[in-house]
Amino acid sequence: MRRAFFQLYKLNTEDHNWIELKHQGRQRMAQPKANPNTRPSPRHQGWTLAELLISLTLMSVLAAIALPAYQQQQRQARRSDGQAALVQLQMDQARWRSAHDSHADTLSALGWANDRSPQGHYQITLTEANAEGYTALAVALGGQAADRECTPLRLRWQGSATALFSAGEHTDSDPARCWRR
């Protein structure tokens, strides 16, 4: 059995890192091998830690700005759930009043199965009801309770055709424009 002897010459220059192999008098070039002491070329690099931290910081700042705005939009959209429940209550009270001497003082008298708004974001209550009018409240529940300036939504019916829509701590007005869409 013949043994082939290889002679190995390693040549390093500024531009090349290669190995020359000699085998029984014939020369051939091998693929360059990576030197562990040198950095890979820029097009083969991944993200550096600094780049990763900068991008993570930028994403965090954007999220910190966008998240509260998104949550506020969600609260405004869910307000329509409480408003729809109070308007439905108003129609049910008108139907009840046409057949009775006074307005209904409970939701069950109006045929409501529970005291929640259709989507469940508000609890509906009748705080006062008599022959002259009634006051209904929609108190926010769960995540909607963070909508402090517009809770509770209030509907007050007075006389034969006067509806007063208010919200928050203001019982006679709506300065935060909670009833506007």
N, C-alpha and C. Protein backbone atom coordinates (compact mmCIF):
# COMPACT_ATOMS: atom_id res chain seq x y z
N MET A 1 0.83 -1.16 0.00
CA MET A 1 0.00 0.00 0.00
C MET A 1 0.89 1.25 0.00
N ARG A 2 0.56 2.12 -0.94
CA ARG A 2 1.35 3.35 -1.02
C ARG A 2 0.78 4.40 -0.10
N ARG A 3 1.62 5.06 0.54
CA ARG A 3 1.18 6.18 1.36
C ARG A 3 1.43 7.47 0.61
N ALA A 4 0.42 8.31 0.65
CA ALA A 4 0.58 9.63 0.05
C ALA A 4 0.92 10.61 1.16
N PHE A 5 1.96 11.36 0.92
CA PHE A 5 2.37 12.34 1.92
C PHE A 5 1.94 13.72 1.47
N PHE A 6 1.40 14.42 2.39
CA PHE A 6 0.95 15.78 2.11
C PHE A 6 1.89 16.75 2.79
N GLN A 7 2.18 17.76 2.08
CA GLN A 7 2.93 18.86 2.66
C GLN A 7 1.97 20.02 2.80
N LEU A 8 1.94 20.62 3.94
CA LEU A 8 0.97 21.66 4.24
C LEU A 8 1.70 22.98 4.43
N TYR A 9 1.32 23.97 3.65
CA TYR A 9 1.88 25.30 3.79
C TYR A 9 0.73 26.27 4.06
N LYS A 10 0.83 27.00 5.10
CA LYS A 10 -0.22 27.97 5.41
C LYS A 10 0.32 29.35 5.11
N LEU A 11 -0.37 30.08 4.24
CA LEU A 11 0.06 31.42 3.87
C LEU A 11 -1.01 32.41 4.32
N ASN A 12 -0.62 33.42 5.00
CA ASN A 12 -1.54 34.46 5.43
C ASN A 12 -1.10 35.79 4.83
N THR A 13 -2.01 36.46 4.19
CA THR A 13 -1.77 37.82 3.72
C THR A 13 -2.90 38.68 4.25
N GLU A 14 -2.86 39.96 3.91
CA GLU A 14 -3.92 40.86 4.38
C GLU A 14 -5.26 40.49 3.75
N ASP A 15 -5.26 40.09 2.51
CA ASP A 15 -6.50 39.84 1.79
C ASP A 15 -6.90 38.36 1.75
N HIS A 16 -5.95 37.44 1.95
CA HIS A 16 -6.29 36.03 1.80
C HIS A 16 -5.88 35.23 3.01
N ASN A 17 -6.66 34.25 3.26
CA ASN A 17 -6.35 33.28 4.30
C ASN A 17 -6.56 31.92 3.65
N TRP A 18 -5.52 31.31 3.15
CA TRP A 18 -5.68 30.08 2.40
C TRP A 18 -4.60 29.08 2.73
N ILE A 19 -4.82 27.88 2.25
CA ILE A 19 -3.90 26.77 2.51
C ILE A 19 -3.48 26.17 1.18
N GLU A 20 -2.22 25.91 1.04
CA GLU A 20 -1.71 25.27 -0.17
C GLU A 20 -1.33 23.85 0.19
N LEU A 21 -1.82 22.91 -0.59
CA LEU A 21 -1.52 21.50 -0.35
C LEU A 21 -0.64 20.98 -1.48
N LYS A 22 0.37 20.22 -1.14
CA LYS A 22 1.18 19.57 -2.17
C LYS A 22 1.03 18.07 -1.98
N HIS A 23 0.73 17.39 -3.08
CA HIS A 23 0.54 15.94 -3.03
C HIS A 23 1.34 15.34 -4.16
N GLN A 24 2.40 14.69 -3.85
CA GLN A 24 3.26 14.02 -4.82
C GLN A 24 3.58 14.92 -6.01
N GLY A 25 3.96 16.11 -5.72
CA GLY A 25 4.41 17.00 -6.77
C GLY A 25 3.31 17.81 -7.44
N ARG A 26 2.06 17.54 -7.18
CA ARG A 26 0.97 18.33 -7.78
C ARG A 26 0.46 19.33 -6.75
N GLN A 27 0.14 20.52 -7.22
CA GLN A 27 -0.39 21.55 -6.34
C GLN A 27 -1.87 21.74 -6.60
N ARG A 28 -2.60 22.05 -5.57
CA ARG A 28 -4.01 22.43 -5.72
C ARG A 28 -4.37 23.38 -4.58
N MET A 29 -5.35 24.19 -4.82
CA MET A 29 -5.77 25.19 -3.84
C MET A 29 -6.96 24.64 -3.05
N ALA A 30 -6.93 24.81 -1.77
CA ALA A 30 -8.05 24.42 -0.91
C ALA A 30 -8.88 25.66 -0.61
N GLN A 31 -10.09 25.44 -0.14
CA GLN A 31 -10.96 26.55 0.26
C GLN A 31 -10.35 27.28 1.43
N PRO A 32 -10.51 28.59 1.49
CA PRO A 32 -9.96 29.33 2.63
C PRO A 32 -10.59 28.86 3.93
N LYS A 33 -9.79 28.77 4.95
CA LYS A 33 -10.30 28.41 6.27
C LYS A 33 -10.38 29.66 7.10
N ALA A 34 -11.39 29.70 7.97
CA ALA A 34 -11.58 30.86 8.83
C ALA A 34 -10.56 30.83 9.95
N ASN A 35 -9.97 31.95 10.18
CA ASN A 35 -9.02 32.09 11.28
C ASN A 35 -9.82 32.53 12.50
N PRO A 36 -9.72 31.84 13.61
CA PRO A 36 -10.50 32.23 14.78
C PRO A 36 -10.10 33.58 15.35
N ASN A 37 -8.95 34.09 14.96
CA ASN A 37 -8.50 35.38 15.47
C ASN A 37 -8.98 36.57 14.65
N THR A 38 -9.60 36.32 13.51
CA THR A 38 -10.07 37.41 12.67
C THR A 38 -11.59 37.47 12.68
N ARG A 39 -12.15 38.67 12.42
CA ARG A 39 -13.60 38.85 12.35
C ARG A 39 -14.11 38.42 10.99
N PRO A 40 -15.32 37.89 10.92
CA PRO A 40 -15.89 37.56 9.61
C PRO A 40 -16.18 38.84 8.84
N SER A 41 -16.35 38.70 7.55
CA SER A 41 -16.62 39.88 6.72
C SER A 41 -17.96 40.50 7.12
N PRO A 42 -18.13 41.83 6.89
CA PRO A 42 -19.35 42.52 7.35
C PRO A 42 -20.64 41.96 6.78
N ARG A 43 -20.62 41.40 5.60
CA ARG A 43 -21.89 40.90 5.05
C ARG A 43 -22.33 39.59 5.68
N HIS A 44 -21.47 38.96 6.46
CA HIS A 44 -21.83 37.72 7.12
C HIS A 44 -22.11 37.90 8.61
N GLN A 45 -22.08 39.13 9.07
CA GLN A 45 -22.30 39.37 10.49
C GLN A 45 -23.79 39.38 10.80
N GLY A 46 -24.13 39.07 12.03
CA GLY A 46 -25.50 39.18 12.52
C GLY A 46 -25.66 40.50 13.25
N TRP A 47 -26.64 40.56 14.11
CA TRP A 47 -26.88 41.77 14.89
C TRP A 47 -25.89 41.81 16.05
N THR A 48 -25.34 42.99 16.27
CA THR A 48 -24.50 43.14 17.45
C THR A 48 -25.40 43.41 18.64
N LEU A 49 -24.86 43.28 19.82
CA LEU A 49 -25.64 43.51 21.03
C LEU A 49 -26.12 44.95 21.09
N ALA A 50 -25.28 45.88 20.69
CA ALA A 50 -25.67 47.30 20.72
C ALA A 50 -26.83 47.56 19.76
N GLU A 51 -26.76 47.01 18.55
CA GLU A 51 -27.84 47.18 17.58
C GLU A 51 -29.14 46.57 18.11
N LEU A 52 -29.04 45.43 18.70
CA LEU A 52 -30.22 44.76 19.25
C LEU A 52 -30.83 45.58 20.38
N LEU A 53 -30.01 46.13 21.26
CA LEU A 53 -30.53 46.93 22.37
C LEU A 53 -31.14 48.24 21.88
N ILE A 54 -30.56 48.86 20.87
CA ILE A 54 -31.12 50.09 20.32
C ILE A 54 -32.48 49.82 19.68
N SER A 55 -32.58 48.75 18.90
CA SER A 55 -33.87 48.43 18.27
C SER A 55 -34.91 48.06 19.32
N LEU A 56 -34.50 47.35 20.35
CA LEU A 56 -35.43 46.98 21.42
C LEU A 56 -35.91 48.24 22.17
N THR A 57 -35.01 49.18 22.39
CA THR A 57 -35.38 50.43 23.05
C THR A 57 -36.37 51.23 22.20
N LEU A 58 -36.11 51.30 20.91
CA LEU A 58 -37.04 52.02 20.02
C LEU A 58 -38.42 51.37 19.99
N MET A 59 -38.45 50.05 19.95
CA MET A 59 -39.75 49.36 19.97
C MET A 59 -40.48 49.60 21.29
N SER A 60 -39.73 49.64 22.39
CA SER A 60 -40.35 49.89 23.70
C SER A 60 -40.94 51.29 23.78
N VAL A 61 -40.22 52.27 23.24
CA VAL A 61 -40.72 53.65 23.25
C VAL A 61 -41.99 53.75 22.40
N LEU A 62 -41.96 53.13 21.23
CA LEU A 62 -43.15 53.15 20.38
C LEU A 62 -44.34 52.46 21.05
N ALA A 63 -44.08 51.35 21.71
CA ALA A 63 -45.16 50.65 22.41
C ALA A 63 -45.69 51.48 23.57
N ALA A 64 -44.80 52.17 24.27
CA ALA A 64 -45.23 52.99 25.40
C ALA A 64 -46.09 54.15 24.95
N ILE A 65 -45.86 54.63 23.75
CA ILE A 65 -46.69 55.72 23.21
C ILE A 65 -47.99 55.17 22.63
N ALA A 66 -47.91 54.06 21.92
CA ALA A 66 -49.08 53.54 21.21
C ALA A 66 -50.07 52.82 22.11
N LEU A 67 -49.62 52.12 23.12
CA LEU A 67 -50.52 51.32 23.95
C LEU A 67 -51.57 52.15 24.68
N PRO A 68 -51.22 53.24 25.36
CA PRO A 68 -52.27 54.04 26.01
C PRO A 68 -53.27 54.63 25.01
N ALA A 69 -52.80 55.04 23.85
CA ALA A 69 -53.71 55.57 22.84
C ALA A 69 -54.67 54.48 22.35
N TYR A 70 -54.16 53.28 22.17
CA TYR A 70 -55.00 52.16 21.75
C TYR A 70 -56.04 51.83 22.82
N GLN A 71 -55.61 51.80 24.09
CA GLN A 71 -56.55 51.49 25.17
C GLN A 71 -57.63 52.56 25.28
N GLN A 72 -57.28 53.82 25.08
CA GLN A 72 -58.27 54.90 25.12
C GLN A 72 -59.29 54.73 23.99
N GLN A 73 -58.83 54.36 22.82
CA GLN A 73 -59.75 54.12 21.70
C GLN A 73 -60.68 52.95 22.00
N GLN A 74 -60.16 51.92 22.65
CA GLN A 74 -61.00 50.79 23.03
C GLN A 74 -62.07 51.21 24.03
N ARG A 75 -61.70 52.02 25.00
CA ARG A 75 -62.68 52.50 25.99
C ARG A 75 -63.76 53.34 25.32
N GLN A 76 -63.36 54.21 24.40
CA GLN A 76 -64.34 55.03 23.70
C GLN A 76 -65.28 54.16 22.87
N ALA A 77 -64.75 53.14 22.24
CA ALA A 77 -65.59 52.25 21.44
C ALA A 77 -66.56 51.46 22.33
N ARG A 78 -66.11 51.04 23.52
CA ARG A 78 -66.98 50.26 24.41
C ARG A 78 -68.04 51.12 25.09
N ARG A 79 -67.85 52.45 25.09
CA ARG A 79 -68.88 53.33 25.66
C ARG A 79 -70.21 53.16 24.95
N SER A 80 -70.16 52.85 23.67
CA SER A 80 -71.40 52.67 22.92
C SER A 80 -72.22 51.51 23.46
N ASP A 81 -71.58 50.56 24.12
CA ASP A 81 -72.30 49.45 24.75
C ASP A 81 -73.20 49.97 25.87
N GLY A 82 -72.67 50.82 26.72
CA GLY A 82 -73.48 51.41 27.80
C GLY A 82 -74.54 52.34 27.26
N GLN A 83 -74.19 53.11 26.24
CA GLN A 83 -75.16 54.03 25.65
C GLN A 83 -76.32 53.27 25.01
N ALA A 84 -76.00 52.19 24.31
CA ALA A 84 -77.05 51.39 23.68
C ALA A 84 -77.97 50.78 24.73
N ALA A 85 -77.40 50.34 25.86
CA ALA A 85 -78.23 49.76 26.92
C ALA A 85 -79.16 50.82 27.51
N LEU A 86 -78.66 52.04 27.71
CA LEU A 86 -79.52 53.10 28.28
C LEU A 86 -80.60 53.54 27.29
N VAL A 87 -80.29 53.58 26.02
CA VAL A 87 -81.31 53.93 25.01
C VAL A 87 -82.37 52.82 24.93
N GLN A 88 -81.95 51.57 25.02
CA GLN A 88 -82.91 50.46 25.05
C GLN A 88 -83.79 50.56 26.29
N LEU A 89 -83.19 50.90 27.41
CA LEU A 89 -83.96 51.09 28.65
C LEU A 89 -84.97 52.22 28.49
N GLN A 90 -84.58 53.28 27.79
CA GLN A 90 -85.49 54.40 27.54
C GLN A 90 -86.70 53.94 26.73
N MET A 91 -86.46 53.13 25.71
CA MET A 91 -87.59 52.63 24.90
C MET A 91 -88.47 51.69 25.71
N ASP A 92 -87.85 50.84 26.54
CA ASP A 92 -88.64 49.93 27.38
C ASP A 92 -89.46 50.71 28.41
N GLN A 93 -88.90 51.78 28.96
CA GLN A 93 -89.65 52.61 29.92
C GLN A 93 -90.82 53.31 29.22
N ALA A 94 -90.63 53.78 27.99
CA ALA A 94 -91.72 54.42 27.25
C ALA A 94 -92.85 53.42 27.00
N ARG A 95 -92.49 52.21 26.65
CA ARG A 95 -93.50 51.17 26.44
C ARG A 95 -94.23 50.86 27.76
N TRP A 96 -93.47 50.76 28.86
CA TRP A 96 -94.06 50.48 30.17
C TRP A 96 -94.99 51.62 30.60
N ARG A 97 -94.53 52.87 30.42
CA ARG A 97 -95.30 54.05 30.87
C ARG A 97 -96.61 54.19 30.11
N SER A 98 -96.64 53.73 28.86
CA SER A 98 -97.88 53.82 28.08
C SER A 98 -98.98 52.93 28.65
N ALA A 99 -98.61 51.92 29.45
CA ALA A 99 -99.59 51.01 30.01
C ALA A 99 -99.74 51.15 31.52
N HIS A 100 -98.90 51.97 32.18
CA HIS A 100 -98.94 52.10 33.63
C HIS A 100 -98.94 53.58 34.06
N ASP A 101 -99.23 53.81 35.35
CA ASP A 101 -99.30 55.18 35.87
C ASP A 101 -97.94 55.79 36.15
N SER A 102 -96.92 54.99 36.29
CA SER A 102 -95.57 55.51 36.57
C SER A 102 -94.54 54.67 35.82
N HIS A 103 -93.31 55.12 35.86
CA HIS A 103 -92.24 54.37 35.22
C HIS A 103 -91.87 53.15 36.08
N ALA A 104 -91.30 52.15 35.45
CA ALA A 104 -90.88 50.94 36.17
C ALA A 104 -89.69 51.27 37.07
N ASP A 105 -89.68 50.65 38.24
CA ASP A 105 -88.58 50.93 39.17
C ASP A 105 -87.55 49.80 39.24
N THR A 106 -87.75 48.73 38.48
CA THR A 106 -86.76 47.65 38.41
C THR A 106 -86.59 47.23 36.95
N LEU A 107 -85.45 46.68 36.67
CA LEU A 107 -85.19 46.19 35.32
C LEU A 107 -86.00 44.94 35.00
N SER A 108 -86.24 44.11 36.02
CA SER A 108 -87.01 42.88 35.79
C SER A 108 -88.45 43.21 35.41
N ALA A 109 -88.98 44.33 35.91
CA ALA A 109 -90.34 44.73 35.52
C ALA A 109 -90.41 45.08 34.03
N LEU A 110 -89.30 45.52 33.49
CA LEU A 110 -89.24 45.87 32.07
C LEU A 110 -88.93 44.66 31.19
N GLY A 111 -88.69 43.50 31.81
CA GLY A 111 -88.41 42.29 31.06
C GLY A 111 -86.93 42.02 30.84
N TRP A 112 -86.07 42.72 31.56
CA TRP A 112 -84.64 42.49 31.42
C TRP A 112 -84.26 41.26 32.24
N ALA A 113 -83.53 40.35 31.65
CA ALA A 113 -83.12 39.12 32.34
C ALA A 113 -81.98 39.38 33.33
N ASN A 114 -81.10 40.33 33.03
CA ASN A 114 -80.00 40.67 33.95
C ASN A 114 -79.72 42.17 33.88
N ASP A 115 -78.78 42.60 34.67
CA ASP A 115 -78.50 44.03 34.74
C ASP A 115 -77.26 44.43 33.94
N ARG A 116 -76.85 43.65 32.99
CA ARG A 116 -75.65 43.93 32.19
C ARG A 116 -76.04 44.49 30.83
N SER A 117 -75.14 45.29 30.29
CA SER A 117 -75.31 45.80 28.93
C SER A 117 -75.14 44.63 27.95
N PRO A 118 -75.50 44.81 26.68
CA PRO A 118 -75.43 43.70 25.73
C PRO A 118 -74.06 43.02 25.65
N GLN A 119 -72.98 43.78 25.70
CA GLN A 119 -71.63 43.19 25.61
C GLN A 119 -71.01 42.97 26.99
N GLY A 120 -71.69 43.36 28.05
CA GLY A 120 -71.24 43.10 29.40
C GLY A 120 -70.22 44.06 29.97
N HIS A 121 -70.01 45.21 29.32
CA HIS A 121 -69.04 46.19 29.81
C HIS A 121 -69.63 47.13 30.86
N TYR A 122 -70.94 47.13 31.02
CA TYR A 122 -71.61 48.05 31.95
C TYR A 122 -72.68 47.32 32.76
N GLN A 123 -72.86 47.79 34.00
CA GLN A 123 -73.96 47.33 34.84
C GLN A 123 -75.01 48.43 34.83
N ILE A 124 -76.23 48.08 34.51
CA ILE A 124 -77.32 49.05 34.38
C ILE A 124 -78.16 49.03 35.65
N THR A 125 -78.45 50.21 36.19
CA THR A 125 -79.31 50.31 37.38
C THR A 125 -80.29 51.47 37.21
N LEU A 126 -81.44 51.32 37.81
CA LEU A 126 -82.43 52.40 37.91
C LEU A 126 -82.31 52.98 39.31
N THR A 127 -81.91 54.23 39.43
CA THR A 127 -81.71 54.80 40.76
C THR A 127 -82.97 55.44 41.31
N GLU A 128 -83.79 55.99 40.44
CA GLU A 128 -85.08 56.52 40.88
C GLU A 128 -86.07 56.41 39.74
N ALA A 129 -87.30 56.14 40.09
CA ALA A 129 -88.36 56.04 39.09
C ALA A 129 -89.68 56.42 39.74
N ASN A 130 -90.42 57.32 39.09
CA ASN A 130 -91.74 57.74 39.58
C ASN A 130 -92.60 58.11 38.37
N ALA A 131 -93.72 58.75 38.61
CA ALA A 131 -94.62 59.12 37.52
C ALA A 131 -94.03 60.23 36.65
N GLU A 132 -93.17 61.06 37.21
CA GLU A 132 -92.60 62.19 36.47
C GLU A 132 -91.37 61.82 35.64
N GLY A 133 -90.63 60.81 36.03
CA GLY A 133 -89.42 60.46 35.29
C GLY A 133 -88.62 59.36 35.98
N TYR A 134 -87.42 59.18 35.52
CA TYR A 134 -86.54 58.16 36.09
C TYR A 134 -85.09 58.56 35.80
N THR A 135 -84.19 57.93 36.52
CA THR A 135 -82.76 58.09 36.29
C THR A 135 -82.14 56.70 36.19
N ALA A 136 -81.41 56.49 35.11
CA ALA A 136 -80.74 55.20 34.90
C ALA A 136 -79.24 55.44 34.80
N LEU A 137 -78.48 54.53 35.36
CA LEU A 137 -77.01 54.61 35.34
C LEU A 137 -76.42 53.41 34.64
N ALA A 138 -75.33 53.64 33.94
CA ALA A 138 -74.53 52.56 33.36
C ALA A 138 -73.13 52.69 33.97
N VAL A 139 -72.81 51.80 34.90
CA VAL A 139 -71.53 51.83 35.60
C VAL A 139 -70.58 50.85 34.91
N ALA A 140 -69.39 51.35 34.57
CA ALA A 140 -68.42 50.55 33.84
C ALA A 140 -67.88 49.41 34.69
N LEU A 141 -67.62 48.27 34.05
CA LEU A 141 -67.09 47.07 34.71
C LEU A 141 -65.78 46.66 34.04
N GLY A 142 -64.97 45.92 34.75
CA GLY A 142 -63.74 45.34 34.19
C GLY A 142 -62.78 46.39 33.68
N GLY A 143 -62.25 46.16 32.50
CA GLY A 143 -61.30 47.08 31.90
C GLY A 143 -61.90 48.43 31.56
N GLN A 144 -63.20 48.46 31.36
CA GLN A 144 -63.88 49.71 31.03
C GLN A 144 -63.92 50.65 32.24
N ALA A 145 -63.74 50.14 33.43
CA ALA A 145 -63.76 50.98 34.64
C ALA A 145 -62.62 51.99 34.64
N ALA A 146 -61.61 51.80 33.80
CA ALA A 146 -60.52 52.78 33.69
C ALA A 146 -60.97 54.05 32.98
N ASP A 147 -62.15 54.03 32.40
CA ASP A 147 -62.72 55.21 31.74
C ASP A 147 -63.36 56.10 32.81
N ARG A 148 -62.55 56.69 33.67
CA ARG A 148 -63.04 57.38 34.86
C ARG A 148 -63.84 58.63 34.57
N GLU A 149 -63.48 59.39 33.56
CA GLU A 149 -64.21 60.63 33.30
C GLU A 149 -65.60 60.39 32.72
N CYS A 150 -65.84 59.19 32.24
CA CYS A 150 -67.15 58.90 31.65
C CYS A 150 -67.89 57.79 32.37
N THR A 151 -67.57 57.53 33.60
CA THR A 151 -68.35 56.55 34.33
C THR A 151 -68.89 57.19 35.59
N PRO A 152 -70.13 57.06 35.89
CA PRO A 152 -71.14 56.32 35.13
C PRO A 152 -71.75 57.17 34.02
N LEU A 153 -72.26 56.48 33.00
CA LEU A 153 -73.11 57.14 32.01
C LEU A 153 -74.49 57.26 32.63
N ARG A 154 -75.13 58.39 32.43
CA ARG A 154 -76.40 58.64 33.11
C ARG A 154 -77.45 59.11 32.10
N LEU A 155 -78.66 58.59 32.25
CA LEU A 155 -79.80 59.02 31.45
C LEU A 155 -80.91 59.40 32.42
N ARG A 156 -81.31 60.66 32.35
CA ARG A 156 -82.40 61.13 33.22
C ARG A 156 -83.55 61.57 32.32
N TRP A 157 -84.72 61.00 32.58
CA TRP A 157 -85.92 61.35 31.83
C TRP A 157 -86.81 62.17 32.75
N GLN A 158 -87.22 63.35 32.28
CA GLN A 158 -88.05 64.24 33.09
C GLN A 158 -89.28 64.64 32.29
N GLY A 159 -90.40 64.63 32.94
CA GLY A 159 -91.64 65.06 32.29
C GLY A 159 -92.03 64.15 31.15
N SER A 160 -92.64 64.75 30.14
CA SER A 160 -93.15 63.93 29.04
C SER A 160 -92.13 63.68 27.94
N ALA A 161 -91.16 64.59 27.76
CA ALA A 161 -90.22 64.38 26.65
C ALA A 161 -88.88 65.08 26.84
N THR A 162 -88.34 65.08 28.03
CA THR A 162 -87.04 65.71 28.26
C THR A 162 -86.04 64.64 28.72
N ALA A 163 -85.05 64.42 27.89
CA ALA A 163 -83.99 63.47 28.22
C ALA A 163 -82.71 64.25 28.50
N LEU A 164 -82.06 63.93 29.60
CA LEU A 164 -80.81 64.58 29.97
C LEU A 164 -79.73 63.51 30.02
N PHE A 165 -78.73 63.68 29.17
CA PHE A 165 -77.62 62.72 29.11
C PHE A 165 -76.42 63.34 29.82
N SER A 166 -75.87 62.64 30.79
CA SER A 166 -74.70 63.15 31.51
C SER A 166 -73.75 61.99 31.80
N ALA A 167 -72.57 62.37 32.29
CA ALA A 167 -71.57 61.33 32.56
C ALA A 167 -70.62 61.79 33.65
N GLY A 168 -70.01 60.82 34.32
CA GLY A 168 -69.02 61.11 35.33
C GLY A 168 -69.62 61.75 36.55
N GLU A 169 -68.87 62.64 37.17
CA GLU A 169 -69.33 63.30 38.39
C GLU A 169 -70.35 64.40 38.12
N HIS A 170 -70.51 64.81 36.88
CA HIS A 170 -71.46 65.85 36.51
C HIS A 170 -72.84 65.24 36.27
N THR A 171 -73.79 65.54 37.15
CA THR A 171 -75.12 64.92 37.04
C THR A 171 -76.02 65.63 36.04
N ASP A 172 -75.66 66.86 35.66
CA ASP A 172 -76.53 67.60 34.74
C ASP A 172 -75.88 67.96 33.42
N SER A 173 -74.67 67.49 33.17
CA SER A 173 -74.00 67.86 31.93
C SER A 173 -73.02 66.75 31.49
N ASP A 174 -72.46 66.97 30.34
CA ASP A 174 -71.51 66.01 29.76
C ASP A 174 -70.28 66.76 29.25
N PRO A 175 -69.47 67.35 30.16
CA PRO A 175 -68.33 68.15 29.70
C PRO A 175 -67.25 67.33 28.99
N ALA A 176 -67.13 66.07 29.29
CA ALA A 176 -66.12 65.22 28.63
C ALA A 176 -66.62 64.69 27.29
N ARG A 177 -67.83 65.04 26.92
CA ARG A 177 -68.45 64.61 25.65
C ARG A 177 -68.50 63.09 25.52
N CYS A 178 -68.88 62.45 26.61
CA CYS A 178 -68.93 60.98 26.63
C CYS A 178 -70.08 60.44 25.77
N TRP A 179 -71.13 61.21 25.59
CA TRP A 179 -72.25 60.74 24.80
C TRP A 179 -72.08 61.03 23.31
N ARG A 180 -71.02 61.72 22.93
CA ARG A 180 -70.76 61.98 21.52
C ARG A 180 -69.98 60.82 20.95
N ARG A 181 -70.19 60.55 19.70
CA ARG A 181 -69.46 59.43 19.08
C ARG A 181 -68.32 59.93 18.26
